[in-house]
């Protein structure tokens, strides 16, 4: 297998593998060949060069960390979305409270107008009643006048 294939298989960096090959040159002699500038690794060299348990654990931790970072970013985005929605609802609620206060104020204003109109109606009813009494009085007087003249004739 080539170093490129090795790096893809074990998810490692080429420069790191080249450094490891240099460090373990004596152990790998006869198991690594260079064919037209391409380094070929046999199964024995693969076993020696493959990442150790510590490296695998580190990679796993890095992967988990990236996964958690991604989850944290998503949670932060969701939090911002929820906060924006909460702010929108709070604004809407505040606008509705303002509208309710305006409505309550208008209701009080109209109640005042209705109360004034009711007083006017009561005053007019009193006036109408007084006028009816006056009319009735005038009718009685006019009847007396008419009866009184008839008696004189």
C-alpha atoms as a PDB file:
ATOM      1  CA  UNK A   1       0.000   0.000   0.000  1.00  0.00           C
ATOM      2  CA  UNK A   2       1.147   3.545  -0.647  1.00  0.00           C
ATOM      3  CA  UNK A   3       1.645   6.152   2.067  1.00  0.00           C
ATOM      4  CA  UNK A   4      -1.413   7.967   0.684  1.00  0.00           C
ATOM      5  CA  UNK A   5      -3.551   4.837   1.065  1.00  0.00           C
ATOM      6  CA  UNK A   6      -2.098   4.230   4.524  1.00  0.00           C
ATOM      7  CA  UNK A   7      -2.944   7.782   5.628  1.00  0.00           C
ATOM      8  CA  UNK A   8      -6.491   7.466   4.301  1.00  0.00           C
ATOM      9  CA  UNK A   9      -6.964   4.100   6.014  1.00  0.00           C
ATOM     10  CA  UNK A  10      -5.736   5.293   9.412  1.00  0.00           C
ATOM     11  CA  UNK A  11      -6.815   8.921   9.024  1.00  0.00           C
ATOM     12  CA  UNK A  12      -3.385  10.321   9.683  1.00  0.00           C
ATOM     13  CA  UNK A  13      -1.141  13.048   8.314  1.00  0.00           C
ATOM     14  CA  UNK A  14       1.426  12.223   5.591  1.00  0.00           C
ATOM     15  CA  UNK A  15       4.106  14.404   7.167  1.00  0.00           C
ATOM     16  CA  UNK A  16       3.622  12.571  10.470  1.00  0.00           C
ATOM     17  CA  UNK A  17       4.045   9.203   8.726  1.00  0.00           C
ATOM     18  CA  UNK A  18       7.204  10.374   6.937  1.00  0.00           C
ATOM     19  CA  UNK A  19       8.633  11.470  10.291  1.00  0.00           C
ATOM     20  CA  UNK A  20       7.712   8.116  11.845  1.00  0.00           C
ATOM     21  CA  UNK A  21       9.389   6.308   8.930  1.00  0.00           C
ATOM     22  CA  UNK A  22      12.574   8.325   9.541  1.00  0.00           C
ATOM     23  CA  UNK A  23      12.502   7.584  13.288  1.00  0.00           C
ATOM     24  CA  UNK A  24      11.944   3.841  12.761  1.00  0.00           C
ATOM     25  CA  UNK A  25      14.176   3.513   9.700  1.00  0.00           C
ATOM     26  CA  UNK A  26      16.137   0.592  11.136  1.00  0.00           C
ATOM     27  CA  UNK A  27      13.023  -1.417  12.067  1.00  0.00           C
ATOM     28  CA  UNK A  28      11.438  -0.821   8.673  1.00  0.00           C
ATOM     29  CA  UNK A  29      14.440  -1.694   6.498  1.00  0.00           C
ATOM     30  CA  UNK A  30      13.350  -4.061   3.748  1.00  0.00           C
ATOM     31  CA  UNK A  31       9.669  -3.400   4.396  1.00  0.00           C
ATOM     32  CA  UNK A  32       9.455   0.007   2.727  1.00  0.00           C
ATOM     33  CA  UNK A  33      10.340   0.551  -0.916  1.00  0.00           C
ATOM     34  CA  UNK A  34      10.434   3.611  -3.104  1.00  0.00           C
ATOM     35  CA  UNK A  35       9.054   2.989  -6.582  1.00  0.00           C
ATOM     36  CA  UNK A  36       9.247   6.014  -8.889  1.00  0.00           C
ATOM     37  CA  UNK A  37       8.988   8.427  -5.934  1.00  0.00           C
ATOM     38  CA  UNK A  38       6.046   6.569  -4.376  1.00  0.00           C
ATOM     39  CA  UNK A  39       6.716   4.930  -1.013  1.00  0.00           C
ATOM     40  CA  UNK A  40       5.232   1.446  -0.742  1.00  0.00           C
ATOM     41  CA  UNK A  41       4.579  -0.066   2.705  1.00  0.00           C
ATOM     42  CA  UNK A  42       4.181  -3.801   3.318  1.00  0.00           C
ATOM     43  CA  UNK A  43       2.020  -5.410   6.062  1.00  0.00           C
ATOM     44  CA  UNK A  44       4.874  -5.525   8.595  1.00  0.00           C
ATOM     45  CA  UNK A  45       5.607  -1.808   8.093  1.00  0.00           C
ATOM     46  CA  UNK A  46       1.896  -1.093   8.316  1.00  0.00           C
ATOM     47  CA  UNK A  47       1.756  -2.738  11.757  1.00  0.00           C
ATOM     48  CA  UNK A  48       4.714  -0.697  12.978  1.00  0.00           C
ATOM     49  CA  UNK A  49       3.524   2.591  11.479  1.00  0.00           C
ATOM     50  CA  UNK A  50      -0.169   2.388  12.265  1.00  0.00           C
ATOM     51  CA  UNK A  51      -1.297   4.704  15.021  1.00  0.00           C
ATOM     52  CA  UNK A  52      -0.917   3.308  18.513  1.00  0.00           C
ATOM     53  CA  UNK A  53      -3.622   3.011  21.115  1.00  0.00           C
ATOM     54  CA  UNK A  54      -2.817   6.438  22.560  1.00  0.00           C
ATOM     55  CA  UNK A  55      -3.034   8.048  19.113  1.00  0.00           C
ATOM     56  CA  UNK A  56      -6.346   6.309  18.425  1.00  0.00           C
ATOM     57  CA  UNK A  57      -7.704   7.505  21.766  1.00  0.00           C
ATOM     58  CA  UNK A  58      -6.491  11.029  21.063  1.00  0.00           C
ATOM     59  CA  UNK A  59      -8.154  10.952  17.632  1.00  0.00           C
ATOM     60  CA  UNK A  60     -11.311   9.617  19.188  1.00  0.00           C
ATOM     61  CA  UNK A  61     -11.260  12.387  21.789  1.00  0.00           C
ATOM     62  CA  UNK A  62     -10.615  14.989  19.093  1.00  0.00           C
ATOM     63  CA  UNK A  63     -13.512  13.579  17.071  1.00  0.00           C
ATOM     64  CA  UNK A  64     -15.771  13.629  20.131  1.00  0.00           C
ATOM     65  CA  UNK A  65     -14.640  17.172  20.911  1.00  0.00           C
ATOM     66  CA  UNK A  66     -15.477  18.286  17.374  1.00  0.00           C
ATOM     67  CA  UNK A  67     -18.812  16.515  17.651  1.00  0.00           C
ATOM     68  CA  UNK A  68     -19.526  18.264  20.972  1.00  0.00           C
ATOM     69  CA  UNK A  69     -18.411  21.588  19.484  1.00  0.00           C
ATOM     70  CA  UNK A  70     -20.860  21.044  16.664  1.00  0.00           C
ATOM     71  CA  UNK A  71     -23.630  20.176  19.116  1.00  0.00           C
ATOM     72  CA  UNK A  72     -22.795  23.260  21.200  1.00  0.00           C
ATOM     73  CA  UNK A  73     -22.889  25.461  18.083  1.00  0.00           C
ATOM     74  CA  UNK A  74     -26.264  23.991  17.122  1.00  0.00           C
ATOM     75  CA  UNK A  75     -27.558  24.477  20.679  1.00  0.00           C
ATOM     76  CA  UNK A  76     -26.333  28.093  20.620  1.00  0.00           C
ATOM     77  CA  UNK A  77     -28.081  28.678  17.295  1.00  0.00           C
ATOM     78  CA  UNK A  78     -31.284  27.114  18.632  1.00  0.00           C
ATOM     79  CA  UNK A  79     -30.967  29.247  21.779  1.00  0.00           C
ATOM     80  CA  UNK A  80     -30.584  32.404  19.686  1.00  0.00           C
ATOM     81  CA  UNK A  81     -33.580  31.424  17.566  1.00  0.00           C
ATOM     82  CA  UNK A  82     -35.664  30.758  20.682  1.00  0.00           C
ATOM     83  CA  UNK A  83     -34.481  34.040  22.240  1.00  0.00           C
ATOM     84  CA  UNK A  84     -35.421  35.929  19.081  1.00  0.00           C
ATOM     85  CA  UNK A  85     -38.840  34.253  19.106  1.00  0.00           C
ATOM     86  CA  UNK A  86     -39.242  35.062  22.810  1.00  0.00           C
ATOM     87  CA  UNK A  87     -38.309  38.697  22.123  1.00  0.00           C
ATOM     88  CA  UNK A  88     -40.796  38.825  19.242  1.00  0.00           C
ATOM     89  CA  UNK A  89     -43.541  37.430  21.478  1.00  0.00           C
ATOM     90  CA  UNK A  90     -42.612  39.850  24.289  1.00  0.00           C
ATOM     91  CA  UNK A  91     -42.824  42.756  21.833  1.00  0.00           C
ATOM     92  CA  UNK A  92     -46.137  41.489  20.537  1.00  0.00           C
ATOM     93  CA  UNK A  93     -47.427  41.148  24.106  1.00  0.00           C
ATOM     94  CA  UNK A  94     -46.288  44.670  24.931  1.00  0.00           C
ATOM     95  CA  UNK A  95     -48.039  46.003  21.819  1.00  0.00           C
ATOM     96  CA  UNK A  96     -51.197  44.142  22.837  1.00  0.00           C
ATOM     97  CA  UNK A  97     -50.969  45.588  26.370  1.00  0.00           C
ATOM     98  CA  UNK A  98     -50.711  49.072  24.846  1.00  0.00           C
ATOM     99  CA  UNK A  99     -53.733  48.356  22.626  1.00  0.00           C
ATOM    100  CA  UNK A 100     -55.676  47.072  25.649  1.00  0.00           C
ATOM    101  CA  UNK A 101     -54.840  50.231  27.600  1.00  0.00           C
ATOM    102  CA  UNK A 102     -55.972  52.343  24.640  1.00  0.00           C
ATOM    103  CA  UNK A 103     -59.148  50.270  24.451  1.00  0.00           C
ATOM    104  CA  UNK A 104     -59.767  50.636  28.184  1.00  0.00           C
ATOM    105  CA  UNK A 105     -59.193  54.377  27.912  1.00  0.00           C
ATOM    106  CA  UNK A 106     -61.624  54.581  24.980  1.00  0.00           C
ATOM    107  CA  UNK A 107     -64.183  52.533  26.939  1.00  0.00           C
ATOM    108  CA  UNK A 108     -63.898  54.936  29.893  1.00  0.00           C
ATOM    109  CA  UNK A 109     -64.276  57.870  27.513  1.00  0.00           C
ATOM    110  CA  UNK A 110     -67.369  56.313  25.933  1.00  0.00           C
ATOM    111  CA  UNK A 111     -68.810  55.432  29.342  1.00  0.00           C
ATOM    112  CA  UNK A 112     -68.388  59.095  30.289  1.00  0.00           C
ATOM    113  CA  UNK A 113     -70.178  60.160  27.104  1.00  0.00           C
ATOM    114  CA  UNK A 114     -72.964  57.638  27.749  1.00  0.00           C
ATOM    115  CA  UNK A 115     -73.317  58.928  31.318  1.00  0.00           C
ATOM    116  CA  UNK A 116     -73.566  62.521  30.041  1.00  0.00           C
ATOM    117  CA  UNK A 117     -76.178  61.459  27.461  1.00  0.00           C
ATOM    118  CA  UNK A 118     -78.149  59.617  30.145  1.00  0.00           C
ATOM    119  CA  UNK A 119     -78.160  62.792  32.276  1.00  0.00           C
ATOM    120  CA  UNK A 120     -79.274  64.785  29.232  1.00  0.00           C
ATOM    121  CA  UNK A 121     -82.038  62.239  28.568  1.00  0.00           C
ATOM    122  CA  UNK A 122     -83.131  62.396  32.226  1.00  0.00           C
ATOM    123  CA  UNK A 123     -83.154  66.204  32.050  1.00  0.00           C
ATOM    124  CA  UNK A 124     -85.119  66.069  28.786  1.00  0.00           C
ATOM    125  CA  UNK A 125     -87.582  63.586  30.322  1.00  0.00           C
ATOM    126  CA  UNK A 126     -88.105  66.010  33.214  1.00  0.00           C
ATOM    127  CA  UNK A 127     -88.619  68.850  30.727  1.00  0.00           C
ATOM    128  CA  UNK A 128     -91.041  66.718  28.694  1.00  0.00           C
ATOM    129  CA  UNK A 129     -92.927  65.838  31.871  1.00  0.00           C
ATOM    130  CA  UNK A 130     -93.098  69.494  32.873  1.00  0.00           C
ATOM    131  CA  UNK A 131     -94.281  70.461  29.377  1.00  0.00           C
ATOM    132  CA  UNK A 132     -96.977  67.758  29.462  1.00  0.00           C
ATOM    133  CA  UNK A 133     -98.176  69.097  32.788  1.00  0.00           C
ATOM    134  CA  UNK A 134     -98.189  72.588  31.349  1.00  0.00           C
ATOM    135  CA  UNK A 135    -100.106  71.372  28.289  1.00  0.00           C
ATOM    136  CA  UNK A 136    -102.585  69.555  30.529  1.00  0.00           C
ATOM    137  CA  UNK A 137    -102.966  72.725  32.607  1.00  0.00           C
ATOM    138  CA  UNK A 138    -103.519  74.796  29.494  1.00  0.00           C
ATOM    139  CA  UNK A 139    -106.133  72.314  28.243  1.00  0.00           C
ATOM    140  CA  UNK A 140    -107.965  72.553  31.545  1.00  0.00           C
ATOM    141  CA  UNK A 141    -107.861  76.341  31.451  1.00  0.00           C
ATOM    142  CA  UNK A 142    -109.014  76.413  27.870  1.00  0.00           C
ATOM    143  CA  UNK A 143    -111.924  74.075  28.710  1.00  0.00           C
ATOM    144  CA  UNK A 144    -112.872  76.327  31.599  1.00  0.00           C
ATOM    145  CA  UNK A 145    -112.793  79.316  29.310  1.00  0.00           C
ATOM    146  CA  UNK A 146    -114.883  77.566  26.690  1.00  0.00           C
ATOM    147  CA  UNK A 147    -117.406  76.301  29.304  1.00  0.00           C
ATOM    148  CA  UNK A 148    -117.375  79.595  31.032  1.00  0.00           C
ATOM    149  CA  UNK A 149    -118.350  81.464  27.818  1.00  0.00           C
ATOM    150  CA  UNK A 150    -120.995  78.943  26.974  1.00  0.00           C
ATOM    151  CA  UNK A 151    -122.612  79.523  30.346  1.00  0.00           C
ATOM    152  CA  UNK A 152    -122.652  83.269  29.746  1.00  0.00           C
ATOM    153  CA  UNK A 153    -124.313  82.990  26.417  1.00  0.00           C
END
